[in-house]
Amino acid sequence: MNKVIVKEPGKGLVIENVEKVDLDYFYSKCGAPIDMMEVGEGVDIVFNDEMLMRDEFEPNFCFFGNGRIQPLHGTVIFVGVDYCTGKSKGLTADEIITIYESFADDEK
């Protein structure tokens, strides 16, 4: 059973005990492929250190250059924020939880 923890501030979600995250599945649900996402669109994702070292996640580095969000242990997903206005946009926390619960069900 995946454990979902709602964190504040930033409305982040920590998804624990997820051995693999199917990015194609995730982005098919939120409607933006990884190479098309920009700051403020969809969701921002921080992967753990090992995953950050993989070349396919390099586009995510631009999200975290301001140092406000640091890579943490596990997979951390933040609701998208428009950094110009500071207002949240994109998926809601409930929608993100639904995506990951659905993915976990598919794996059973």
PDB file of N, CA and C in Angstrom:
ATOM      1  N   MET A   1       0.847  -1.191   0.000  1.00  0.00           N
ATOM      2  CA  MET A   1       0.000   0.000   0.000  1.00  0.00           C
ATOM      3  C   MET A   1       0.885   1.243   0.000  1.00  0.00           C
ATOM      4  N   ASN A   2       0.672   2.121  -0.959  1.00  0.00           N
ATOM      5  CA  ASN A   2       1.455   3.348  -1.011  1.00  0.00           C
ATOM      6  C   ASN A   2       0.995   4.317   0.062  1.00  0.00           C
ATOM      7  N   LYS A   3       1.955   4.991   0.670  1.00  0.00           N
ATOM      8  CA  LYS A   3       1.652   5.953   1.726  1.00  0.00           C
ATOM      9  C   LYS A   3       1.745   7.354   1.144  1.00  0.00           C
ATOM     10  N   VAL A   4       0.689   8.128   1.297  1.00  0.00           N
ATOM     11  CA  VAL A   4       0.651   9.486   0.764  1.00  0.00           C
ATOM     12  C   VAL A   4       0.610  10.458   1.933  1.00  0.00           C
ATOM     13  N   ILE A   5       1.581  11.360   1.999  1.00  0.00           N
ATOM     14  CA  ILE A   5       1.648  12.339   3.075  1.00  0.00           C
ATOM     15  C   ILE A   5       1.503  13.733   2.468  1.00  0.00           C
ATOM     16  N   VAL A   6       0.544  14.498   2.968  1.00  0.00           N
ATOM     17  CA  VAL A   6       0.388  15.879   2.508  1.00  0.00           C
ATOM     18  C   VAL A   6       1.311  16.756   3.341  1.00  0.00           C
ATOM     19  N   LYS A   7       2.165  17.524   2.668  1.00  0.00           N
ATOM     20  CA  LYS A   7       3.135  18.368   3.366  1.00  0.00           C
ATOM     21  C   LYS A   7       2.842  19.844   3.105  1.00  0.00           C
ATOM     22  N   GLU A   8       3.141  20.673   4.082  1.00  0.00           N
ATOM     23  CA  GLU A   8       3.044  22.117   3.942  1.00  0.00           C
ATOM     24  C   GLU A   8       4.401  22.718   4.299  1.00  0.00           C
ATOM     25  N   PRO A   9       4.804  23.868   3.777  1.00  0.00           N
ATOM     26  CA  PRO A   9       4.075  24.646   2.783  1.00  0.00           C
ATOM     27  C   PRO A   9       4.292  24.104   1.378  1.00  0.00           C
ATOM     28  N   GLY A  10       3.627  24.666   0.424  1.00  0.00           N
ATOM     29  CA  GLY A  10       3.807  24.284  -0.962  1.00  0.00           C
ATOM     30  C   GLY A  10       2.875  23.188  -1.426  1.00  0.00           C
ATOM     31  N   LYS A  11       2.046  22.659  -0.515  1.00  0.00           N
ATOM     32  CA  LYS A  11       1.086  21.619  -0.872  1.00  0.00           C
ATOM     33  C   LYS A  11       1.773  20.440  -1.549  1.00  0.00           C
ATOM     34  N   GLY A  12       2.948  20.069  -1.028  1.00  0.00           N
ATOM     35  CA  GLY A  12       3.675  18.946  -1.605  1.00  0.00           C
ATOM     36  C   GLY A  12       3.110  17.628  -1.120  1.00  0.00           C
ATOM     37  N   LEU A  13       3.296  16.594  -1.905  1.00  0.00           N
ATOM     38  CA  LEU A  13       2.885  15.248  -1.520  1.00  0.00           C
ATOM     39  C   LEU A  13       4.110  14.354  -1.554  1.00  0.00           C
ATOM     40  N   VAL A  14       4.333  13.604  -0.502  1.00  0.00           N
ATOM     41  CA  VAL A  14       5.417  12.626  -0.508  1.00  0.00           C
ATOM     42  C   VAL A  14       4.792  11.256  -0.738  1.00  0.00           C
ATOM     43  N   ILE A  15       5.182  10.615  -1.823  1.00  0.00           N
ATOM     44  CA  ILE A  15       4.676   9.290  -2.129  1.00  0.00           C
ATOM     45  C   ILE A  15       5.760   8.306  -1.708  1.00  0.00           C
ATOM     46  N   GLU A  16       5.513   7.545  -0.653  1.00  0.00           N
ATOM     47  CA  GLU A  16       6.516   6.613  -0.152  1.00  0.00           C
ATOM     48  C   GLU A  16       6.240   5.201  -0.665  1.00  0.00           C
ATOM     49  N   ASN A  17       7.286   4.399  -0.679  1.00  0.00           N
ATOM     50  CA  ASN A  17       7.182   2.995  -1.070  1.00  0.00           C
ATOM     51  C   ASN A  17       6.749   2.814  -2.522  1.00  0.00           C
ATOM     52  N   VAL A  18       7.117   3.751  -3.365  1.00  0.00           N
ATOM     53  CA  VAL A  18       6.863   3.600  -4.794  1.00  0.00           C
ATOM     54  C   VAL A  18       8.179   3.167  -5.429  1.00  0.00           C
ATOM     55  N   GLU A  19       8.235   1.938  -5.917  1.00  0.00           N
ATOM     56  CA  GLU A  19       9.484   1.423  -6.463  1.00  0.00           C
ATOM     57  C   GLU A  19       9.784   1.995  -7.839  1.00  0.00           C
ATOM     58  N   LYS A  20       8.743   2.236  -8.613  1.00  0.00           N
ATOM     59  CA  LYS A  20       8.970   2.864  -9.909  1.00  0.00           C
ATOM     60  C   LYS A  20       7.795   3.774 -10.233  1.00  0.00           C
ATOM     61  N   VAL A  21       8.091   4.849 -10.920  1.00  0.00           N
ATOM     62  CA  VAL A  21       7.061   5.783 -11.345  1.00  0.00           C
ATOM     63  C   VAL A  21       7.040   5.750 -12.865  1.00  0.00           C
ATOM     64  N   ASP A  22       5.894   5.423 -13.443  1.00  0.00           N
ATOM     65  CA  ASP A  22       5.747   5.369 -14.891  1.00  0.00           C
ATOM     66  C   ASP A  22       5.471   6.792 -15.379  1.00  0.00           C
ATOM     67  N   LEU A  23       6.522   7.480 -15.862  1.00  0.00           N
ATOM     68  CA  LEU A  23       6.361   8.883 -16.249  1.00  0.00           C
ATOM     69  C   LEU A  23       5.403   9.051 -17.416  1.00  0.00           C
ATOM     70  N   ASP A  24       5.423   8.117 -18.375  1.00  0.00           N
ATOM     71  CA  ASP A  24       4.488   8.223 -19.492  1.00  0.00           C
ATOM     72  C   ASP A  24       3.056   8.169 -18.991  1.00  0.00           C
ATOM     73  N   TYR A  25       2.801   7.270 -18.036  1.00  0.00           N
ATOM     74  CA  TYR A  25       1.462   7.158 -17.451  1.00  0.00           C
ATOM     75  C   TYR A  25       1.104   8.442 -16.720  1.00  0.00           C
ATOM     76  N   PHE A  26       2.051   8.953 -15.906  1.00  0.00           N
ATOM     77  CA  PHE A  26       1.784  10.154 -15.122  1.00  0.00           C
ATOM     78  C   PHE A  26       1.455  11.330 -16.026  1.00  0.00           C
ATOM     79  N   TYR A  27       2.293  11.559 -17.050  1.00  0.00           N
ATOM     80  CA  TYR A  27       2.082  12.716 -17.909  1.00  0.00           C
ATOM     81  C   TYR A  27       0.883  12.545 -18.823  1.00  0.00           C
ATOM     82  N   SER A  28       0.494  11.297 -19.127  1.00  0.00           N
ATOM     83  CA  SER A  28      -0.735  11.108 -19.901  1.00  0.00           C
ATOM     84  C   SER A  28      -1.937  11.559 -19.085  1.00  0.00           C
ATOM     85  N   LYS A  29      -1.838  11.436 -17.757  1.00  0.00           N
ATOM     86  CA  LYS A  29      -2.928  11.872 -16.888  1.00  0.00           C
ATOM     87  C   LYS A  29      -2.957  13.383 -16.716  1.00  0.00           C
ATOM     88  N   CYS A  30      -1.784  14.031 -16.626  1.00  0.00           N
ATOM     89  CA  CYS A  30      -1.797  15.480 -16.406  1.00  0.00           C
ATOM     90  C   CYS A  30      -1.650  16.257 -17.708  1.00  0.00           C
ATOM     91  N   GLY A  31      -1.504  15.546 -18.821  1.00  0.00           N
ATOM     92  CA  GLY A  31      -1.614  16.181 -20.125  1.00  0.00           C
ATOM     93  C   GLY A  31      -0.385  16.940 -20.592  1.00  0.00           C
ATOM     94  N   ALA A  32       0.794  16.670 -20.016  1.00  0.00           N
ATOM     95  CA  ALA A  32       1.998  17.362 -20.469  1.00  0.00           C
ATOM     96  C   ALA A  32       3.175  16.394 -20.462  1.00  0.00           C
ATOM     97  N   PRO A  33       3.773  16.138 -21.625  1.00  0.00           N
ATOM     98  CA  PRO A  33       4.962  15.289 -21.644  1.00  0.00           C
ATOM     99  C   PRO A  33       6.122  15.999 -20.954  1.00  0.00           C
ATOM    100  N   ILE A  34       7.085  15.242 -20.461  1.00  0.00           N
ATOM    101  CA  ILE A  34       8.155  15.820 -19.648  1.00  0.00           C
ATOM    102  C   ILE A  34       8.920  16.910 -20.386  1.00  0.00           C
ATOM    103  N   ASP A  35       9.121  16.770 -21.695  1.00  0.00           N
ATOM    104  CA  ASP A  35       9.943  17.743 -22.412  1.00  0.00           C
ATOM    105  C   ASP A  35       9.155  18.978 -22.833  1.00  0.00           C
ATOM    106  N   MET A  36       7.852  19.017 -22.537  1.00  0.00           N
ATOM    107  CA  MET A  36       7.025  20.173 -22.889  1.00  0.00           C
ATOM    108  C   MET A  36       6.650  21.008 -21.673  1.00  0.00           C
ATOM    109  N   MET A  37       6.945  20.500 -20.469  1.00  0.00           N
ATOM    110  CA  MET A  37       6.522  21.219 -19.270  1.00  0.00           C
ATOM    111  C   MET A  37       7.399  22.431 -19.011  1.00  0.00           C
ATOM    112  N   GLU A  38       6.767  23.505 -18.553  1.00  0.00           N
ATOM    113  CA  GLU A  38       7.484  24.710 -18.172  1.00  0.00           C
ATOM    114  C   GLU A  38       7.079  25.078 -16.756  1.00  0.00           C
ATOM    115  N   VAL A  39       7.853  25.940 -16.118  1.00  0.00           N
ATOM    116  CA  VAL A  39       7.518  26.361 -14.761  1.00  0.00           C
ATOM    117  C   VAL A  39       6.118  26.956 -14.755  1.00  0.00           C
ATOM    118  N   GLY A  40       5.308  26.514 -13.794  1.00  0.00           N
ATOM    119  CA  GLY A  40       3.953  27.031 -13.673  1.00  0.00           C
ATOM    120  C   GLY A  40       2.923  26.205 -14.417  1.00  0.00           C
ATOM    121  N   GLU A  41       3.342  25.196 -15.159  1.00  0.00           N
ATOM    122  CA  GLU A  41       2.392  24.354 -15.880  1.00  0.00           C
ATOM    123  C   GLU A  41       2.390  22.962 -15.277  1.00  0.00           C
ATOM    124  N   GLY A  42       1.223  22.386 -15.155  1.00  0.00           N
ATOM    125  CA  GLY A  42       1.123  21.022 -14.648  1.00  0.00           C
ATOM    126  C   GLY A  42       1.639  20.920 -13.229  1.00  0.00           C
ATOM    127  N   VAL A  43       2.586  20.029 -13.001  1.00  0.00           N
ATOM    128  CA  VAL A  43       3.155  19.850 -11.666  1.00  0.00           C
ATOM    129  C   VAL A  43       4.664  19.889 -11.737  1.00  0.00           C
ATOM    130  N   ASP A  44       5.281  20.267 -10.637  1.00  0.00           N
ATOM    131  CA  ASP A  44       6.733  20.215 -10.507  1.00  0.00           C
ATOM    132  C   ASP A  44       7.081  18.939  -9.756  1.00  0.00           C
ATOM    133  N   ILE A  45       8.144  18.290 -10.162  1.00  0.00           N
ATOM    134  CA  ILE A  45       8.504  17.018  -9.551  1.00  0.00           C
ATOM    135  C   ILE A  45       9.951  17.080  -9.076  1.00  0.00           C
ATOM    136  N   VAL A  46      10.179  16.657  -7.833  1.00  0.00           N
ATOM    137  CA  VAL A  46      11.535  16.499  -7.314  1.00  0.00           C
ATOM    138  C   VAL A  46      11.768  15.009  -7.138  1.00  0.00           C
ATOM    139  N   PHE A  47      12.771  14.475  -7.822  1.00  0.00           N
ATOM    140  CA  PHE A  47      13.099  13.066  -7.669  1.00  0.00           C
ATOM    141  C   PHE A  47      14.202  12.921  -6.630  1.00  0.00           C
ATOM    142  N   ASN A  48      14.377  11.700  -6.138  1.00  0.00           N
ATOM    143  CA  ASN A  48      15.473  11.486  -5.189  1.00  0.00           C
ATOM    144  C   ASN A  48      16.814  11.593  -5.922  1.00  0.00           C
ATOM    145  N   ASP A  49      17.904  11.644  -5.154  1.00  0.00           N
ATOM    146  CA  ASP A  49      19.216  11.918  -5.733  1.00  0.00           C
ATOM    147  C   ASP A  49      19.581  10.941  -6.841  1.00  0.00           C
ATOM    148  N   GLU A  50      19.300   9.661  -6.639  1.00  0.00           N
ATOM    149  CA  GLU A  50      19.662   8.661  -7.641  1.00  0.00           C
ATOM    150  C   GLU A  50      18.935   8.927  -8.952  1.00  0.00           C
ATOM    151  N   MET A  51      17.658   9.262  -8.868  1.00  0.00           N
ATOM    152  CA  MET A  51      16.882   9.510 -10.080  1.00  0.00           C
ATOM    153  C   MET A  51      17.313  10.806 -10.755  1.00  0.00           C
ATOM    154  N   LEU A  52      17.713  11.802  -9.958  1.00  0.00           N
ATOM    155  CA  LEU A  52      18.158  13.072 -10.532  1.00  0.00           C
ATOM    156  C   LEU A  52      19.411  12.907 -11.382  1.00  0.00           C
ATOM    157  N   MET A  53      20.203  11.874 -11.096  1.00  0.00           N
ATOM    158  CA  MET A  53      21.437  11.666 -11.839  1.00  0.00           C
ATOM    159  C   MET A  53      21.189  11.082 -13.226  1.00  0.00           C
ATOM    160  N   ARG A  54      19.970  10.626 -13.483  1.00  0.00           N
ATOM    161  CA  ARG A  54      19.677  10.011 -14.777  1.00  0.00           C
ATOM    162  C   ARG A  54      19.382  11.099 -15.807  1.00  0.00           C
ATOM    163  N   ASP A  55      19.945  10.966 -16.994  1.00  0.00           N
ATOM    164  CA  ASP A  55      19.880  12.014 -18.011  1.00  0.00           C
ATOM    165  C   ASP A  55      18.462  12.441 -18.353  1.00  0.00           C
ATOM    166  N   GLU A  56      17.520  11.494 -18.344  1.00  0.00           N
ATOM    167  CA  GLU A  56      16.170  11.843 -18.794  1.00  0.00           C
ATOM    168  C   GLU A  56      15.457  12.817 -17.865  1.00  0.00           C
ATOM    169  N   PHE A  57      16.014  13.042 -16.659  1.00  0.00           N
ATOM    170  CA  PHE A  57      15.362  13.969 -15.742  1.00  0.00           C
ATOM    171  C   PHE A  57      16.024  15.345 -15.742  1.00  0.00           C
ATOM    172  N   GLU A  58      17.025  15.556 -16.580  1.00  0.00           N
ATOM    173  CA  GLU A  58      17.715  16.849 -16.600  1.00  0.00           C
ATOM    174  C   GLU A  58      16.783  18.033 -16.828  1.00  0.00           C
ATOM    175  N   PRO A  59      15.742  17.922 -17.669  1.00  0.00           N
ATOM    176  CA  PRO A  59      14.856  19.083 -17.859  1.00  0.00           C
ATOM    177  C   PRO A  59      14.226  19.588 -16.565  1.00  0.00           C
ATOM    178  N   ASN A  60      14.146  18.742 -15.541  1.00  0.00           N
ATOM    179  CA  ASN A  60      13.537  19.162 -14.287  1.00  0.00           C
ATOM    180  C   ASN A  60      14.415  20.118 -13.486  1.00  0.00           C
ATOM    181  N   PHE A  61      15.712  20.161 -13.805  1.00  0.00           N
ATOM    182  CA  PHE A  61      16.604  20.990 -13.000  1.00  0.00           C
ATOM    183  C   PHE A  61      16.184  22.452 -13.007  1.00  0.00           C
ATOM    184  N   CYS A  62      15.617  22.939 -14.111  1.00  0.00           N
ATOM    185  CA  CYS A  62      15.250  24.351 -14.195  1.00  0.00           C
ATOM    186  C   CYS A  62      14.169  24.715 -13.179  1.00  0.00           C
ATOM    187  N   PHE A  63      13.398  23.745 -12.737  1.00  0.00           N
ATOM    188  CA  PHE A  63      12.346  24.033 -11.763  1.00  0.00           C
ATOM    189  C   PHE A  63      12.928  24.410 -10.408  1.00  0.00           C
ATOM    190  N   PHE A  64      14.132  23.930 -10.107  1.00  0.00           N
ATOM    191  CA  PHE A  64      14.613  24.001  -8.739  1.00  0.00           C
ATOM    192  C   PHE A  64      15.870  24.851  -8.596  1.00  0.00           C
ATOM    193  N   GLY A  65      16.216  25.613  -9.635  1.00  0.00           N
ATOM    194  CA  GLY A  65      17.409  26.434  -9.596  1.00  0.00           C
ATOM    195  C   GLY A  65      17.351  27.540  -8.561  1.00  0.00           C
ATOM    196  N   ASN A  66      16.133  27.924  -8.139  1.00  0.00           N
ATOM    197  CA  ASN A  66      16.012  28.989  -7.146  1.00  0.00           C
ATOM    198  C   ASN A  66      16.305  28.497  -5.735  1.00  0.00           C
ATOM    199  N   GLY A  67      16.485  27.174  -5.573  1.00  0.00           N
ATOM    200  CA  GLY A  67      16.861  26.621  -4.281  1.00  0.00           C
ATOM    201  C   GLY A  67      15.725  26.502  -3.287  1.00  0.00           C
ATOM    202  N   ARG A  68      14.521  26.898  -3.684  1.00  0.00           N
ATOM    203  CA  ARG A  68      13.416  26.835  -2.729  1.00  0.00           C
ATOM    204  C   ARG A  68      12.917  25.411  -2.524  1.00  0.00           C
ATOM    205  N   ILE A  69      13.126  24.550  -3.524  1.00  0.00           N
ATOM    206  CA  ILE A  69      12.688  23.160  -3.412  1.00  0.00           C
ATOM    207  C   ILE A  69      13.920  22.282  -3.573  1.00  0.00           C
ATOM    208  N   GLN A  70      14.193  21.454  -2.570  1.00  0.00           N
ATOM    209  CA  GLN A  70      15.383  20.616  -2.605  1.00  0.00           C
ATOM    210  C   GLN A  70      14.997  19.152  -2.811  1.00  0.00           C
ATOM    211  N   PRO A  71      15.849  18.381  -3.509  1.00  0.00           N
ATOM    212  CA  PRO A  71      15.587  16.947  -3.631  1.00  0.00           C
ATOM    213  C   PRO A  71      15.527  16.290  -2.255  1.00  0.00           C
ATOM    214  N   LEU A  72      14.530  15.455  -2.056  1.00  0.00           N
ATOM    215  CA  LEU A  72      14.335  14.769  -0.789  1.00  0.00           C
ATOM    216  C   LEU A  72      14.336  13.267  -1.018  1.00  0.00           C
ATOM    217  N   HIS A  73      14.392  12.512   0.057  1.00  0.00           N
ATOM    218  CA  HIS A  73      14.297  11.060  -0.064  1.00  0.00           C
ATOM    219  C   HIS A  73      12.885  10.699  -0.501  1.00  0.00           C
ATOM    220  N   GLY A  74      12.775   9.850  -1.488  1.00  0.00           N
ATOM    221  CA  GLY A  74      11.467   9.475  -2.002  1.00  0.00           C
ATOM    222  C   GLY A  74      11.080  10.361  -3.171  1.00  0.00           C
ATOM    223  N   THR A  75       9.869  10.198  -3.641  1.00  0.00           N
ATOM    224  CA  THR A  75       9.364  10.971  -4.770  1.00  0.00           C
ATOM    225  C   THR A  75       8.439  12.044  -4.234  1.00  0.00           C
ATOM    226  N   VAL A  76       8.748  13.296  -4.526  1.00  0.00           N
ATOM    227  CA  VAL A  76       7.982  14.415  -3.994  1.00  0.00           C
ATOM    228  C   VAL A  76       7.329  15.151  -5.153  1.00  0.00           C
ATOM    229  N   ILE A  77       6.042  15.366  -5.060  1.00  0.00           N
ATOM    230  CA  ILE A  77       5.301  16.011  -6.133  1.00  0.00           C
ATOM    231  C   ILE A  77       4.661  17.277  -5.595  1.00  0.00           C
ATOM    232  N   PHE A  78       4.858  18.379  -6.293  1.00  0.00           N
ATOM    233  CA  PHE A  78       4.292  19.650  -5.868  1.00  0.00           C
ATOM    234  C   PHE A  78       3.248  20.113  -6.874  1.00  0.00           C
ATOM    235  N   VAL A  79       2.147  20.638  -6.362  1.00  0.00           N
ATOM    236  CA  VAL A  79       1.160  21.242  -7.246  1.00  0.00           C
ATOM    237  C   VAL A  79       1.829  22.402  -7.971  1.00  0.00           C
ATOM    238  N   GLY A  80       1.569  22.520  -9.274  1.00  0.00           N
ATOM    239  CA  GLY A  80       2.210  23.555 -10.081  1.00  0.00           C
ATOM    240  C   GLY A  80       1.942  24.950  -9.551  1.00  0.00           C
ATOM    241  N   VAL A  81       2.962  25.791  -9.604  1.00  0.00           N
ATOM    242  CA  VAL A  81       2.855  27.166  -9.121  1.00  0.00           C
ATOM    243  C   VAL A  81       3.363  28.105 -10.205  1.00  0.00           C
ATOM    244  N   ASP A  82       2.608  29.185 -10.436  1.00  0.00           N
ATOM    245  CA  ASP A  82       3.070  30.241 -11.330  1.00  0.00           C
ATOM    246  C   ASP A  82       4.016  31.116 -10.511  1.00  0.00           C
ATOM    247  N   TYR A  83       5.317  31.028 -10.790  1.00  0.00           N
ATOM    248  CA  TYR A  83       6.284  31.714  -9.943  1.00  0.00           C
ATOM    249  C   TYR A  83       6.253  33.230 -10.125  1.00  0.00           C
ATOM    250  N   CYS A  84       5.611  33.719 -11.197  1.00  0.00           N
ATOM    251  CA  CYS A  84       5.492  35.171 -11.373  1.00  0.00           C
ATOM    252  C   CYS A  84       4.457  35.749 -10.411  1.00  0.00           C
ATOM    253  N   THR A  85       3.368  35.019 -10.189  1.00  0.00           N
ATOM    254  CA  THR A  85       2.285  35.525  -9.345  1.00  0.00           C
ATOM    255  C   THR A  85       2.256  34.850  -7.987  1.00  0.00           C
ATOM    256  N   GLY A  86       2.913  33.686  -7.869  1.00  0.00           N
ATOM    257  CA  GLY A  86       2.880  32.937  -6.621  1.00  0.00           C
ATOM    258  C   GLY A  86       1.610  32.137  -6.445  1.00  0.00           C
ATOM    259  N   LYS A  87       0.730  32.162  -7.453  1.00  0.00           N
ATOM    260  CA  LYS A  87      -0.540  31.442  -7.336  1.00  0.00           C
ATOM    261  C   LYS A  87      -0.398  30.015  -7.859  1.00  0.00           C
ATOM    262  N   SER A  88      -1.091  29.104  -7.202  1.00  0.00           N
ATOM    263  CA  SER A  88      -1.060  27.705  -7.614  1.00  0.00           C
ATOM    264  C   SER A  88      -1.870  27.521  -8.888  1.00  0.00           C
ATOM    265  N   LYS A  89      -1.385  26.642  -9.760  1.00  0.00           N
ATOM    266  CA  LYS A  89      -2.143  26.277 -10.953  1.00  0.00           C
ATOM    267  C   LYS A  89      -1.837  24.821 -11.270  1.00  0.00           C
ATOM    268  N   GLY A  90      -2.561  24.255 -12.211  1.00  0.00           N
ATOM    269  CA  GLY A  90      -2.316  22.864 -12.553  1.00  0.00           C
ATOM    270  C   GLY A  90      -3.162  21.929 -11.708  1.00  0.00           C
ATOM    271  N   LEU A  91      -2.634  20.737 -11.441  1.00  0.00           N
ATOM    272  CA  LEU A  91      -3.388  19.717 -10.735  1.00  0.00           C
ATOM    273  C   LEU A  91      -3.583  20.071  -9.274  1.00  0.00           C
ATOM    274  N   THR A  92      -4.690  19.613  -8.714  1.00  0.00           N
ATOM    275  CA  THR A  92      -4.909  19.751  -7.278  1.00  0.00           C
ATOM    276  C   THR A  92      -4.291  18.559  -6.565  1.00  0.00           C
ATOM    277  N   ALA A  93      -4.132  18.681  -5.260  1.00  0.00           N
ATOM    278  CA  ALA A  93      -3.580  17.575  -4.479  1.00  0.00           C
ATOM    279  C   ALA A  93      -4.421  16.320  -4.652  1.00  0.00           C
ATOM    280  N   ASP A  94      -5.747  16.468  -4.650  1.00  0.00           N
ATOM    281  CA  ASP A  94      -6.624  15.307  -4.806  1.00  0.00           C
ATOM    282  C   ASP A  94      -6.413  14.630  -6.152  1.00  0.00           C
ATOM    283  N   GLU A  95      -6.201  15.407  -7.201  1.00  0.00           N
ATOM    284  CA  GLU A  95      -5.980  14.825  -8.519  1.00  0.00           C
ATOM    285  C   GLU A  95      -4.666  14.052  -8.568  1.00  0.00           C
ATOM    286  N   ILE A  96      -3.641  14.572  -7.903  1.00  0.00           N
ATOM    287  CA  ILE A  96      -2.360  13.868  -7.880  1.00  0.00           C
ATOM    288  C   ILE A  96      -2.492  12.554  -7.121  1.00  0.00           C
ATOM    289  N   ILE A  97      -3.178  12.583  -5.993  1.00  0.00           N
ATOM    290  CA  ILE A  97      -3.390  11.355  -5.228  1.00  0.00           C
ATOM    291  C   ILE A  97      -4.120  10.329  -6.084  1.00  0.00           C
ATOM    292  N   THR A  98      -5.119  10.782  -6.832  1.00  0.00           N
ATOM    293  CA  THR A  98      -5.887   9.876  -7.683  1.00  0.00           C
ATOM    294  C   THR A  98      -4.987   9.226  -8.733  1.00  0.00           C
ATOM    295  N   ILE A  99      -4.104   9.999  -9.331  1.00  0.00           N
ATOM    296  CA  ILE A  99      -3.195   9.453 -10.339  1.00  0.00           C
ATOM    297  C   ILE A  99      -2.352   8.332  -9.749  1.00  0.00           C
ATOM    298  N   TYR A 100      -1.792   8.560  -8.580  1.00  0.00           N
ATOM    299  CA  TYR A 100      -0.896   7.560  -8.013  1.00  0.00           C
ATOM    300  C   TYR A 100      -1.632   6.372  -7.442  1.00  0.00           C
ATOM    301  N   GLU A 101      -2.833   6.580  -6.909  1.00  0.00           N
ATOM    302  CA  GLU A 101      -3.618   5.434  -6.447  1.00  0.00           C
ATOM    303  C   GLU A 101      -4.019   4.571  -7.638  1.00  0.00           C
ATOM    304  N   SER A 102      -4.373   5.208  -8.746  1.00  0.00           N
ATOM    305  CA  SER A 102      -4.747   4.457  -9.945  1.00  0.00           C
ATOM    306  C   SER A 102      -3.559   3.654 -10.456  1.00  0.00           C
ATOM    307  N   PHE A 103      -2.375   4.267 -10.467  1.00  0.00           N
ATOM    308  CA  PHE A 103      -1.181   3.573 -10.933  1.00  0.00           C
ATOM    309  C   PHE A 103      -0.872   2.386 -10.036  1.00  0.00           C
ATOM    310  N   ALA A 104      -0.998   2.569  -8.730  1.00  0.00           N
ATOM    311  CA  ALA A 104      -0.734   1.477  -7.792  1.00  0.00           C
ATOM    312  C   ALA A 104      -1.706   0.323  -8.025  1.00  0.00           C
ATOM    313  N   ASP A 105      -2.968   0.650  -8.307  1.00  0.00           N
ATOM    314  CA  ASP A 105      -3.964  -0.390  -8.573  1.00  0.00           C
ATOM    315  C   ASP A 105      -3.608  -1.171  -9.834  1.00  0.00           C
ATOM    316  N   ASP A 106      -3.087  -0.475 -10.850  1.00  0.00           N
ATOM    317  CA  ASP A 106      -2.711  -1.137 -12.098  1.00  0.00           C
ATOM    318  C   ASP A 106      -1.597  -2.155 -11.880  1.00  0.00           C
ATOM    319  N   GLU A 107      -0.752  -1.921 -10.891  1.00  0.00           N
ATOM    320  CA  GLU A 107       0.407  -2.776 -10.659  1.00  0.00           C
ATOM    321  C   GLU A 107       0.059  -4.043  -9.885  1.00  0.00           C
ATOM    322  N   LYS A 108      -1.136  -4.089  -9.290  1.00  0.00           N
ATOM    323  CA  LYS A 108      -1.513  -5.254  -8.470  1.00  0.00           C
ATOM    324  C   LYS A 108      -1.796  -6.462  -9.349  1.00  0.00           C
TER     325      LYS A 108
END
